[in-house]
Amino acid sequence: MKAKGYRKKGRNLLSKTSEKGGFPPIKRWLATYDKGQKIAIDIWPGVYEGMPHLRYQGRVGQVIEKRGRCYVIGIPLDKRTAKIMVSPVHIRPLA
């Protein structure tokens, strides 16, 4: 039977090496981002809160605003911009 869940095919997509596995470093939790800053979605599989959908893994977006501990990210798609709320653990600054 084929899996049809929210996180299907996520085992290989979100896999990390043994050195990077486990709990994320504290600097990922405490990172702050400014409005308009470019970021990349880098999902940390061990943290479920504030996790975006798997289709956004590796996408580049722009910070629109901050809501509580999360950030609203605008990701350009074909003809529209998707707005998603993401915890700072699952994003990193675009270098």
N, C-alpha and C. Protein backbone atom coordinates (compact mmCIF):
# COMPACT_ATOMS: atom_id res chain seq x y z
N MET A 1 0.84 -1.18 0.00
CA MET A 1 0.00 0.00 0.00
C MET A 1 0.88 1.25 0.00
N LYS A 2 0.60 2.16 -0.86
CA LYS A 2 1.41 3.36 -0.99
C LYS A 2 1.04 4.37 0.10
N ALA A 3 2.07 4.99 0.69
CA ALA A 3 1.85 5.99 1.73
C ALA A 3 1.27 7.26 1.11
N LYS A 4 0.30 7.86 1.80
CA LYS A 4 -0.35 9.07 1.30
C LYS A 4 -0.36 10.16 2.35
N GLY A 5 0.52 10.06 3.32
CA GLY A 5 0.50 10.99 4.43
C GLY A 5 1.19 12.32 4.14
N TYR A 6 1.16 13.17 5.15
CA TYR A 6 1.71 14.52 5.05
C TYR A 6 3.22 14.50 4.83
N ARG A 7 3.89 13.50 5.40
CA ARG A 7 5.35 13.44 5.31
C ARG A 7 5.85 12.28 4.47
N LYS A 8 5.09 11.90 3.45
CA LYS A 8 5.52 10.79 2.60
C LYS A 8 6.79 11.16 1.83
N LYS A 9 7.63 10.19 1.60
CA LYS A 9 8.92 10.34 0.91
C LYS A 9 9.86 11.29 1.65
N GLY A 10 9.63 11.50 2.91
CA GLY A 10 10.46 12.43 3.67
C GLY A 10 11.70 11.81 4.28
N ARG A 11 11.79 10.48 4.31
CA ARG A 11 12.92 9.83 4.95
C ARG A 11 14.24 10.19 4.24
N ASN A 12 14.27 10.13 2.94
CA ASN A 12 15.49 10.46 2.21
C ASN A 12 15.64 11.97 2.03
N LEU A 13 14.55 12.66 1.89
CA LEU A 13 14.61 14.11 1.66
C LEU A 13 15.17 14.84 2.87
N LEU A 14 14.81 14.38 4.07
CA LEU A 14 15.22 15.07 5.29
C LEU A 14 16.35 14.38 6.03
N SER A 15 16.99 13.39 5.43
CA SER A 15 18.03 12.65 6.13
C SER A 15 19.26 13.53 6.33
N LYS A 16 19.92 13.35 7.46
CA LYS A 16 21.13 14.08 7.78
C LYS A 16 22.23 13.09 8.13
N THR A 17 23.47 13.53 8.05
CA THR A 17 24.58 12.66 8.42
C THR A 17 24.58 12.47 9.93
N SER A 18 25.35 11.52 10.42
CA SER A 18 25.36 11.23 11.85
C SER A 18 25.92 12.40 12.66
N GLU A 19 26.81 13.20 12.08
CA GLU A 19 27.35 14.34 12.81
C GLU A 19 26.31 15.45 12.98
N LYS A 20 25.40 15.59 12.02
CA LYS A 20 24.42 16.67 12.06
C LYS A 20 23.07 16.24 12.60
N GLY A 21 22.93 14.99 12.98
CA GLY A 21 21.64 14.50 13.47
C GLY A 21 21.37 14.96 14.89
N GLY A 22 20.22 14.55 15.43
CA GLY A 22 19.87 14.88 16.80
C GLY A 22 19.28 16.26 16.94
N PHE A 23 19.51 16.85 18.10
CA PHE A 23 18.93 18.14 18.43
C PHE A 23 19.71 19.26 17.74
N PRO A 24 19.04 20.28 17.21
CA PRO A 24 19.75 21.36 16.51
C PRO A 24 20.55 22.22 17.48
N PRO A 25 21.59 22.89 16.99
CA PRO A 25 22.35 23.79 17.86
C PRO A 25 21.50 24.98 18.31
N ILE A 26 21.86 25.54 19.44
CA ILE A 26 21.07 26.63 20.03
C ILE A 26 21.07 27.87 19.14
N LYS A 27 22.10 28.07 18.33
CA LYS A 27 22.12 29.26 17.48
C LYS A 27 21.04 29.22 16.42
N ARG A 28 20.55 28.03 16.06
CA ARG A 28 19.44 27.95 15.11
C ARG A 28 18.14 28.39 15.76
N TRP A 29 17.97 28.15 17.05
CA TRP A 29 16.76 28.56 17.77
C TRP A 29 16.75 30.07 17.99
N LEU A 30 17.92 30.63 18.27
CA LEU A 30 18.00 32.04 18.66
C LEU A 30 18.29 32.98 17.50
N ALA A 31 18.37 32.47 16.29
CA ALA A 31 18.67 33.31 15.13
C ALA A 31 17.56 34.33 14.90
N THR A 32 17.95 35.54 14.55
CA THR A 32 16.97 36.58 14.23
C THR A 32 17.18 37.01 12.78
N TYR A 33 16.08 37.35 12.12
CA TYR A 33 16.12 37.74 10.72
C TYR A 33 15.37 39.05 10.55
N ASP A 34 15.86 39.88 9.67
CA ASP A 34 15.24 41.18 9.41
C ASP A 34 14.21 41.04 8.29
N LYS A 35 13.30 42.00 8.25
CA LYS A 35 12.29 42.02 7.21
C LYS A 35 12.98 42.27 5.86
N GLY A 36 12.65 41.45 4.87
CA GLY A 36 13.24 41.57 3.55
C GLY A 36 14.49 40.74 3.35
N GLN A 37 14.96 40.08 4.40
CA GLN A 37 16.19 39.29 4.28
C GLN A 37 15.92 38.00 3.51
N LYS A 38 16.86 37.60 2.66
CA LYS A 38 16.74 36.36 1.89
C LYS A 38 17.15 35.20 2.78
N ILE A 39 16.35 34.14 2.76
CA ILE A 39 16.63 32.96 3.56
C ILE A 39 16.40 31.71 2.71
N ALA A 40 16.94 30.60 3.17
CA ALA A 40 16.72 29.31 2.53
C ALA A 40 16.02 28.39 3.53
N ILE A 41 15.07 27.63 3.06
CA ILE A 41 14.36 26.67 3.92
C ILE A 41 15.22 25.43 4.04
N ASP A 42 15.62 25.12 5.27
CA ASP A 42 16.44 23.95 5.56
C ASP A 42 15.79 23.23 6.74
N ILE A 43 14.90 22.29 6.45
CA ILE A 43 14.09 21.64 7.48
C ILE A 43 14.98 20.76 8.36
N TRP A 44 14.84 20.95 9.69
CA TRP A 44 15.51 20.10 10.65
C TRP A 44 14.51 19.02 11.06
N PRO A 45 14.75 17.75 10.69
CA PRO A 45 13.72 16.72 10.85
C PRO A 45 13.40 16.34 12.29
N GLY A 46 14.26 16.67 13.23
CA GLY A 46 14.01 16.29 14.61
C GLY A 46 13.09 17.22 15.35
N VAL A 47 12.72 18.36 14.75
CA VAL A 47 11.85 19.35 15.40
C VAL A 47 10.58 19.47 14.57
N TYR A 48 9.43 19.15 15.18
CA TYR A 48 8.17 19.15 14.44
C TYR A 48 7.46 20.49 14.48
N GLU A 49 7.67 21.29 15.54
CA GLU A 49 6.94 22.55 15.63
C GLU A 49 7.47 23.55 14.62
N GLY A 50 6.57 24.20 13.93
CA GLY A 50 6.94 25.21 12.95
C GLY A 50 7.57 24.65 11.70
N MET A 51 7.37 23.36 11.43
CA MET A 51 7.98 22.73 10.26
C MET A 51 7.12 22.99 9.03
N PRO A 52 7.71 23.50 7.94
CA PRO A 52 6.93 23.69 6.72
C PRO A 52 6.71 22.37 6.00
N HIS A 53 5.89 22.40 4.98
CA HIS A 53 5.65 21.20 4.19
C HIS A 53 6.93 20.81 3.46
N LEU A 54 7.07 19.53 3.17
CA LEU A 54 8.29 19.02 2.55
C LEU A 54 8.54 19.60 1.16
N ARG A 55 7.51 20.10 0.50
CA ARG A 55 7.70 20.64 -0.85
C ARG A 55 8.54 21.92 -0.84
N TYR A 56 8.68 22.56 0.32
CA TYR A 56 9.44 23.80 0.41
C TYR A 56 10.90 23.57 0.80
N GLN A 57 11.33 22.34 1.00
CA GLN A 57 12.71 22.05 1.37
C GLN A 57 13.66 22.54 0.28
N GLY A 58 14.62 23.37 0.64
CA GLY A 58 15.60 23.90 -0.29
C GLY A 58 15.18 25.15 -1.04
N ARG A 59 13.96 25.62 -0.83
CA ARG A 59 13.49 26.82 -1.54
C ARG A 59 14.08 28.07 -0.91
N VAL A 60 14.17 29.11 -1.70
CA VAL A 60 14.67 30.40 -1.23
C VAL A 60 13.50 31.37 -1.17
N GLY A 61 13.43 32.11 -0.09
CA GLY A 61 12.34 33.06 0.08
C GLY A 61 12.81 34.33 0.77
N GLN A 62 11.85 35.15 1.15
CA GLN A 62 12.13 36.43 1.75
C GLN A 62 11.27 36.58 3.00
N VAL A 63 11.86 37.12 4.07
CA VAL A 63 11.13 37.32 5.32
C VAL A 63 10.14 38.46 5.14
N ILE A 64 8.87 38.19 5.43
CA ILE A 64 7.84 39.21 5.32
C ILE A 64 7.60 39.87 6.68
N GLU A 65 7.44 39.04 7.72
CA GLU A 65 7.21 39.56 9.06
C GLU A 65 7.51 38.48 10.09
N LYS A 66 7.47 38.88 11.36
CA LYS A 66 7.65 37.94 12.45
C LYS A 66 6.34 37.85 13.23
N ARG A 67 5.93 36.62 13.55
CA ARG A 67 4.72 36.40 14.35
C ARG A 67 5.09 35.48 15.50
N GLY A 68 5.15 36.05 16.69
CA GLY A 68 5.56 35.26 17.85
C GLY A 68 6.99 34.81 17.69
N ARG A 69 7.22 33.50 17.77
CA ARG A 69 8.57 32.97 17.59
C ARG A 69 8.85 32.61 16.14
N CYS A 70 7.82 32.57 15.30
CA CYS A 70 7.99 32.14 13.91
C CYS A 70 8.11 33.34 12.96
N TYR A 71 8.48 33.03 11.74
CA TYR A 71 8.61 34.04 10.69
C TYR A 71 7.66 33.69 9.54
N VAL A 72 7.09 34.71 8.94
CA VAL A 72 6.28 34.53 7.74
C VAL A 72 7.22 34.72 6.55
N ILE A 73 7.29 33.69 5.72
CA ILE A 73 8.22 33.69 4.59
C ILE A 73 7.41 33.71 3.30
N GLY A 74 7.80 34.56 2.38
CA GLY A 74 7.20 34.61 1.05
C GLY A 74 8.08 33.86 0.07
N ILE A 75 7.52 32.81 -0.54
CA ILE A 75 8.27 31.99 -1.47
C ILE A 75 7.64 32.14 -2.85
N PRO A 76 8.39 32.65 -3.83
CA PRO A 76 7.81 32.80 -5.17
C PRO A 76 7.61 31.45 -5.85
N LEU A 77 6.38 31.21 -6.30
CA LEU A 77 6.07 30.02 -7.07
C LEU A 77 5.80 30.47 -8.50
N ASP A 78 5.14 29.68 -9.31
CA ASP A 78 4.97 30.01 -10.72
C ASP A 78 4.36 31.39 -10.95
N LYS A 79 3.11 31.56 -10.55
CA LYS A 79 2.43 32.84 -10.80
C LYS A 79 1.98 33.52 -9.52
N ARG A 80 2.40 33.00 -8.39
CA ARG A 80 1.97 33.57 -7.11
C ARG A 80 3.09 33.45 -6.10
N THR A 81 2.85 34.00 -4.92
CA THR A 81 3.80 33.91 -3.83
C THR A 81 3.13 33.17 -2.68
N ALA A 82 3.76 32.09 -2.24
CA ALA A 82 3.23 31.33 -1.12
C ALA A 82 3.74 31.95 0.17
N LYS A 83 2.84 32.14 1.14
CA LYS A 83 3.22 32.65 2.45
C LYS A 83 3.12 31.50 3.44
N ILE A 84 4.23 31.18 4.08
CA ILE A 84 4.23 30.09 5.05
C ILE A 84 4.84 30.59 6.35
N MET A 85 4.40 30.02 7.47
CA MET A 85 4.96 30.34 8.77
C MET A 85 5.96 29.26 9.13
N VAL A 86 7.17 29.67 9.48
CA VAL A 86 8.25 28.73 9.73
C VAL A 86 8.99 29.13 10.99
N SER A 87 9.32 28.13 11.79
CA SER A 87 10.14 28.34 12.98
C SER A 87 11.58 28.65 12.55
N PRO A 88 12.33 29.44 13.33
CA PRO A 88 13.70 29.77 12.93
C PRO A 88 14.64 28.57 12.87
N VAL A 89 14.24 27.44 13.44
CA VAL A 89 15.07 26.23 13.37
C VAL A 89 15.13 25.71 11.94
N HIS A 90 14.09 25.93 11.16
CA HIS A 90 13.97 25.37 9.83
C HIS A 90 14.41 26.32 8.71
N ILE A 91 14.99 27.46 9.05
CA ILE A 91 15.49 28.37 8.03
C ILE A 91 16.92 28.75 8.35
N ARG A 92 17.64 29.17 7.32
CA ARG A 92 19.01 29.65 7.51
C ARG A 92 19.23 30.82 6.56
N PRO A 93 20.13 31.72 6.92
CA PRO A 93 20.37 32.86 6.05
C PRO A 93 21.03 32.43 4.75
N LEU A 94 20.68 33.09 3.68
CA LEU A 94 21.25 32.79 2.38
C LEU A 94 22.57 33.53 2.27
N ALA A 95 23.63 32.77 2.09
CA ALA A 95 24.96 33.38 2.06
C ALA A 95 25.31 33.91 0.70
